[in-house]
C-alpha atoms as a PDB file:
ATOM      1  CA  MET A   1     100.672  95.593  70.932  1.00  0.00           C
ATOM      2  CA  LYS A   2      98.728  98.404  72.457  1.00  0.00           C
ATOM      3  CA  LYS A   3     100.154  99.867  75.620  1.00  0.00           C
ATOM      4  CA  PHE A   4      97.925 100.329  78.616  1.00  0.00           C
ATOM      5  CA  LEU A   5      97.696 104.071  78.425  1.00  0.00           C
ATOM      6  CA  PHE A   6      96.381 104.677  81.872  1.00  0.00           C
ATOM      7  CA  ALA A   7      96.206 108.117  83.338  1.00  0.00           C
ATOM      8  CA  ALA A   8      98.993 107.009  85.665  1.00  0.00           C
ATOM      9  CA  LEU A   9      99.674 109.446  88.432  1.00  0.00           C
ATOM     10  CA  LEU A  10     103.201 110.777  88.605  1.00  0.00           C
ATOM     11  CA  ALA A  11     104.617 111.195  92.077  1.00  0.00           C
ATOM     12  CA  VAL A  12     105.668 114.768  92.633  1.00  0.00           C
ATOM     13  CA  SER A  13     108.325 115.428  95.197  1.00  0.00           C
ATOM     14  CA  ALA A  14     111.163 117.827  95.813  1.00  0.00           C
ATOM     15  CA  ALA A  15     113.300 115.501  93.700  1.00  0.00           C
ATOM     16  CA  ALA A  16     112.564 114.489  90.120  1.00  0.00           C
ATOM     17  CA  PRO A  17     109.121 112.929  89.529  1.00  0.00           C
ATOM     18  CA  ALA A  18     108.879 109.142  89.211  1.00  0.00           C
ATOM     19  CA  ALA A  19     108.351 107.690  85.746  1.00  0.00           C
ATOM     20  CA  ALA A  20     104.882 106.316  84.984  1.00  0.00           C
ATOM     21  CA  GLN A  21     104.655 102.523  84.696  1.00  0.00           C
ATOM     22  CA  THR A  22     102.835 100.776  81.877  1.00  0.00           C
ATOM     23  CA  VAL A  23     101.476  97.292  81.350  1.00  0.00           C
ATOM     24  CA  ASN A  24     101.053  95.991  77.810  1.00  0.00           C
ATOM     25  CA  ALA A  25      97.816  94.489  76.599  1.00  0.00           C
ATOM     26  CA  GLY A  26      98.455  90.955  75.346  1.00  0.00           C
ATOM     27  CA  THR A  27      99.305  87.444  76.480  1.00  0.00           C
ATOM     28  CA  TYR A  28     101.463  86.595  79.507  1.00  0.00           C
ATOM     29  CA  THR A  29     102.996  83.365  80.785  1.00  0.00           C
ATOM     30  CA  VAL A  30     101.733  82.573  84.297  1.00  0.00           C
ATOM     31  CA  LYS A  31     103.769  80.827  87.010  1.00  0.00           C
ATOM     32  CA  GLY A  32     102.422  80.705  90.535  1.00  0.00           C
ATOM     33  CA  THR A  33     101.891  78.929  93.810  1.00  0.00           C
ATOM     34  CA  ASN A  34      98.525  77.940  95.250  1.00  0.00           C
ATOM     35  CA  LEU A  35      97.432  78.579  98.835  1.00  0.00           C
ATOM     36  CA  ASP A  36      98.708  75.101  99.762  1.00  0.00           C
ATOM     37  CA  GLY A  37     102.141  75.788  98.214  1.00  0.00           C
ATOM     38  CA  SER A  38     101.668  73.640  95.098  1.00  0.00           C
ATOM     39  CA  SER A  39     102.634  75.224  91.781  1.00  0.00           C
ATOM     40  CA  TYR A  40     100.616  76.052  88.683  1.00  0.00           C
ATOM     41  CA  GLU A  41     101.285  77.429  85.200  1.00  0.00           C
ATOM     42  CA  GLY A  42      99.254  78.813  82.330  1.00  0.00           C
ATOM     43  CA  THR A  43      98.535  82.002  80.446  1.00  0.00           C
ATOM     44  CA  ALA A  44      96.822  85.306  81.139  1.00  0.00           C
ATOM     45  CA  THR A  45      95.405  87.698  78.563  1.00  0.00           C
ATOM     46  CA  ILE A  46      95.050  91.403  79.352  1.00  0.00           C
ATOM     47  CA  THR A  47      92.639  93.477  77.239  1.00  0.00           C
ATOM     48  CA  LEU A  48      92.126  97.237  77.498  1.00  0.00           C
ATOM     49  CA  ALA A  49      88.538  98.062  78.584  1.00  0.00           C
ATOM     50  CA  SER A  50      88.825 101.839  79.112  1.00  0.00           C
ATOM     51  CA  GLU A  51      91.498 104.459  79.721  1.00  0.00           C
ATOM     52  CA  THR A  52      91.849 103.299  83.323  1.00  0.00           C
ATOM     53  CA  THR A  53      90.666  99.672  83.418  1.00  0.00           C
ATOM     54  CA  CYS A  54      91.260  96.349  81.741  1.00  0.00           C
ATOM     55  CA  VAL A  55      89.918  92.815  81.638  1.00  0.00           C
ATOM     56  CA  ILE A  56      92.190  89.900  82.534  1.00  0.00           C
ATOM     57  CA  GLU A  57      91.544  86.228  81.814  1.00  0.00           C
ATOM     58  CA  TRP A  58      93.658  83.439  83.307  1.00  0.00           C
ATOM     59  CA  LYS A  59      93.847  79.904  81.910  1.00  0.00           C
ATOM     60  CA  THR A  60      95.687  77.674  84.367  1.00  0.00           C
ATOM     61  CA  GLY A  61      95.351  73.908  84.262  1.00  0.00           C
ATOM     62  CA  GLY A  62      91.719  73.216  83.441  1.00  0.00           C
ATOM     63  CA  THR A  63      90.502  76.436  85.069  1.00  0.00           C
ATOM     64  CA  THR A  64      89.532  79.722  83.412  1.00  0.00           C
ATOM     65  CA  SER A  65      88.761  82.843  85.438  1.00  0.00           C
ATOM     66  CA  GLN A  66      88.139  86.471  84.513  1.00  0.00           C
ATOM     67  CA  GLY A  67      88.494  89.730  86.347  1.00  0.00           C
ATOM     68  CA  VAL A  68      88.658  93.483  86.116  1.00  0.00           C
ATOM     69  CA  CYS A  69      92.050  95.123  86.535  1.00  0.00           C
ATOM     70  CA  MET A  70      93.695  98.519  86.833  1.00  0.00           C
ATOM     71  CA  LEU A  71      97.132 100.098  87.034  1.00  0.00           C
ATOM     72  CA  HIS A  72      98.109 102.704  89.624  1.00  0.00           C
ATOM     73  CA  GLU A  73     101.740 103.824  89.605  1.00  0.00           C
ATOM     74  CA  ASP A  74     103.732 100.559  89.993  1.00  0.00           C
ATOM     75  CA  ALA A  75     100.800  98.515  91.359  1.00  0.00           C
ATOM     76  CA  PHE A  76      98.603  96.446  89.044  1.00  0.00           C
ATOM     77  CA  ALA A  77      95.554  94.931  90.751  1.00  0.00           C
ATOM     78  CA  ALA A  78      92.717  92.639  89.706  1.00  0.00           C
ATOM     79  CA  ALA A  79      89.521  91.396  91.322  1.00  0.00           C
ATOM     80  CA  TYR A  80      88.226  88.134  89.871  1.00  0.00           C
ATOM     81  CA  MET A  81      85.857  85.215  90.295  1.00  0.00           C
ATOM     82  CA  LEU A  82      87.246  81.703  90.728  1.00  0.00           C
ATOM     83  CA  GLU A  83      84.288  79.338  90.659  1.00  0.00           C
ATOM     84  CA  ASP A  84      82.037  80.830  93.388  1.00  0.00           C
ATOM     85  CA  GLN A  85      84.735  82.757  95.283  1.00  0.00           C
ATOM     86  CA  ILE A  86      85.939  86.337  94.923  1.00  0.00           C
ATOM     87  CA  GLY A  87      89.680  86.750  94.571  1.00  0.00           C
ATOM     88  CA  LEU A  88      92.096  89.650  94.686  1.00  0.00           C
ATOM     89  CA  ILE A  89      95.614  89.866  93.286  1.00  0.00           C
ATOM     90  CA  VAL A  90      98.065  92.745  93.531  1.00  0.00           C
ATOM     91  CA  TYR A  91     101.135  92.773  91.305  1.00  0.00           C
ATOM     92  CA  LYS A  92     104.203  94.991  91.408  1.00  0.00           C
ATOM     93  CA  VAL A  93     105.135  96.153  87.894  1.00  0.00           C
ATOM     94  CA  LYS A  94     108.801  95.224  87.577  1.00  0.00           C
ATOM     95  CA  GLY A  95     109.372  96.518  84.035  1.00  0.00           C
ATOM     96  CA  GLY A  96     110.418  94.500  81.017  1.00  0.00           C
ATOM     97  CA  GLY A  97     106.982  92.876  80.842  1.00  0.00           C
ATOM     98  CA  VAL A  98     107.180  91.231  84.298  1.00  0.00           C
ATOM     99  CA  LEU A  99     104.565  91.534  87.056  1.00  0.00           C
ATOM    100  CA  GLU A 100     105.100  89.870  90.463  1.00  0.00           C
ATOM    101  CA  GLY A 101     102.084  89.411  92.698  1.00  0.00           C
ATOM    102  CA  SER A 102     100.320  87.922  95.684  1.00  0.00           C
ATOM    103  CA  TRP A 103      96.713  86.730  95.684  1.00  0.00           C
ATOM    104  CA  THR A 104      94.011  85.442  97.974  1.00  0.00           C
ATOM    105  CA  LEU A 105      90.411  84.213  97.929  1.00  0.00           C
ATOM    106  CA  THR A 106      87.548  85.184 100.233  1.00  0.00           C
ATOM    107  CA  GLY A 107      87.221  82.908 103.233  1.00  0.00           C
ATOM    108  CA  LYS A 108      90.635  81.278 102.741  1.00  0.00           C
ATOM    109  CA  ASP A 109      93.729  81.594 104.912  1.00  0.00           C
ATOM    110  CA  GLY A 110      97.052  82.602 103.427  1.00  0.00           C
ATOM    111  CA  SER A 111      98.056  83.843 100.030  1.00  0.00           C
ATOM    112  CA  GLY A 112      99.503  82.517  96.812  1.00  0.00           C
ATOM    113  CA  THR A 113     102.118  84.034  94.546  1.00  0.00           C
ATOM    114  CA  GLU A 114     102.049  84.689  90.825  1.00  0.00           C
ATOM    115  CA  THR A 115     104.408  86.043  88.199  1.00  0.00           C
ATOM    116  CA  LEU A 116     103.207  87.183  84.789  1.00  0.00           C
ATOM    117  CA  THR A 117     105.800  87.474  82.010  1.00  0.00           C
ATOM    118  CA  GLU A 118     104.793  89.098  78.742  1.00  0.00           C
ATOM    119  CA  GLU A 119     105.056  86.837  75.709  1.00  0.00           C
ATOM    120  CA  LYS A 120     106.954  88.686  72.991  1.00  0.00           C
END
């Protein structure tokens, strides 16, 4: 699988610089919680769109949504459309093909959670 070869910024400090994080293009298992606390599962596919951006498509239950995504250091974020609402999710890149995130939709209270695990 192709690696997301983003121009990830390396943190420069007096100590050693932090290692750049990567996210693989490919298919991920999705496990999450909705705004009401109920759970959902499915898959997400990440496709490289440029050196700094990607496209992500989620298939959960009977719903499919697409968004644009990007990686910055250990944060992986995506903006997406879910029916007629704009959503935002921010994941922390945990390494080993795991991303842990929180998401929300415009005009809604609260946030959901979501974990993506790369299918090997």
